[in-house]
């Protein structure tokens, strides 16, 4: 990410801080994924005496959305060519 920003002349602290924030969120997302892998999508809630959603699931979605927002704001989404078919990959009906 940093190399791409530097190549585009975007080396100001506003941009590099966002890259650091993105990487911090990536670490958080990995921890949330690990929790879901270990404990499952549902966990036992002692207070209610039943199964409830593992909060790591919804937090993971929120973190992922924030990561995508940062990624897009830094201009990376446009570079990936997302949503465009590669030449010769057009589907026939």
Protein backbone atom coordinates (compact mmCIF):
# COMPACT_ATOMS: atom_id res chain seq x y z
CA UNK A 1 0.00 0.00 0.00
CA UNK A 2 2.77 2.40 0.93
CA UNK A 3 4.61 1.76 -2.33
CA UNK A 4 1.46 2.48 -4.30
CA UNK A 5 0.82 5.69 -2.38
CA UNK A 6 4.42 6.80 -2.88
CA UNK A 7 4.19 6.07 -6.61
CA UNK A 8 1.16 8.36 -6.76
CA UNK A 9 2.89 11.06 -4.72
CA UNK A 10 0.60 10.55 -1.73
CA UNK A 11 3.14 10.35 1.07
CA UNK A 12 1.65 12.91 3.46
CA UNK A 13 0.93 11.79 7.01
CA UNK A 14 -2.82 11.88 6.33
CA UNK A 15 -2.35 8.99 3.89
CA UNK A 16 0.23 7.03 5.85
CA UNK A 17 -1.87 7.31 9.01
CA UNK A 18 -4.79 5.75 7.12
CA UNK A 19 -2.56 2.88 6.00
CA UNK A 20 -1.56 2.30 9.64
CA UNK A 21 -5.23 2.41 10.65
CA UNK A 22 -6.04 -0.12 7.91
CA UNK A 23 -3.30 -2.44 9.17
CA UNK A 24 -4.50 -2.10 12.77
CA UNK A 25 -7.99 -3.05 11.61
CA UNK A 26 -6.53 -6.02 9.75
CA UNK A 27 -4.99 -7.27 13.00
CA UNK A 28 -8.33 -6.82 14.80
CA UNK A 29 -10.14 -8.69 12.03
CA UNK A 30 -7.71 -11.60 12.31
CA UNK A 31 -8.38 -11.78 16.07
CA UNK A 32 -12.14 -11.73 15.49
CA UNK A 33 -11.87 -14.48 12.87
CA UNK A 34 -9.76 -16.54 15.25
CA UNK A 35 -12.39 -16.12 17.99
CA UNK A 36 -15.17 -17.28 15.66
CA UNK A 37 -13.05 -20.24 14.54
CA UNK A 38 -12.40 -21.23 18.16
CA UNK A 39 -15.80 -20.55 19.77
CA UNK A 40 -18.16 -20.72 16.81
CA UNK A 41 -20.82 -18.40 15.45
CA UNK A 42 -23.01 -18.85 18.53
CA UNK A 43 -21.86 -18.84 22.16
CA UNK A 44 -23.54 -19.70 25.43
CA UNK A 45 -24.80 -16.67 27.40
CA UNK A 46 -24.93 -17.37 31.13
CA UNK A 47 -27.29 -14.45 31.78
CA UNK A 48 -29.98 -15.63 29.36
CA UNK A 49 -29.18 -19.30 29.74
CA UNK A 50 -29.10 -19.87 26.00
CA UNK A 51 -27.12 -19.50 22.83
CA UNK A 52 -26.53 -16.04 21.37
CA UNK A 53 -24.58 -14.72 18.42
CA UNK A 54 -20.85 -14.51 19.01
CA UNK A 55 -20.30 -10.75 19.00
CA UNK A 56 -17.11 -11.30 17.03
CA UNK A 57 -19.26 -12.07 13.97
CA UNK A 58 -20.96 -8.67 13.82
CA UNK A 59 -17.80 -6.86 14.89
CA UNK A 60 -15.94 -8.60 12.08
CA UNK A 61 -18.45 -7.27 9.56
CA UNK A 62 -18.07 -3.74 10.94
CA UNK A 63 -14.28 -3.91 10.85
CA UNK A 64 -14.37 -5.27 7.31
CA UNK A 65 -16.62 -2.40 6.18
CA UNK A 66 -14.27 0.14 7.73
CA UNK A 67 -11.29 -1.49 6.05
CA UNK A 68 -13.06 -1.32 2.69
CA UNK A 69 -13.92 2.35 3.27
CA UNK A 70 -10.27 3.17 3.99
CA UNK A 71 -9.08 1.09 1.03
CA UNK A 72 -11.49 2.89 -1.28
CA UNK A 73 -10.70 6.34 0.15
CA UNK A 74 -7.01 5.74 -0.56
CA UNK A 75 -7.89 5.08 -4.19
CA UNK A 76 -7.08 1.38 -4.34
CA UNK A 77 -10.49 0.12 -5.43
CA UNK A 78 -10.26 1.90 -8.76
CA UNK A 79 -6.87 0.31 -9.43
CA UNK A 80 -8.06 -3.27 -9.00
CA UNK A 81 -10.44 -3.17 -11.95
CA UNK A 82 -13.15 -4.65 -9.75
CA UNK A 83 -16.34 -5.35 -11.59
CA UNK A 84 -14.75 -5.27 -15.02
CA UNK A 85 -14.58 -8.37 -17.13
CA UNK A 86 -11.20 -9.28 -18.49
CA UNK A 87 -10.94 -9.14 -22.26
CA UNK A 88 -12.51 -12.26 -23.70
CA UNK A 89 -14.36 -13.12 -20.47
CA UNK A 90 -17.75 -11.83 -21.54
CA UNK A 91 -20.54 -14.27 -20.75
CA UNK A 92 -22.72 -15.42 -23.57
CA UNK A 93 -26.44 -15.74 -23.02
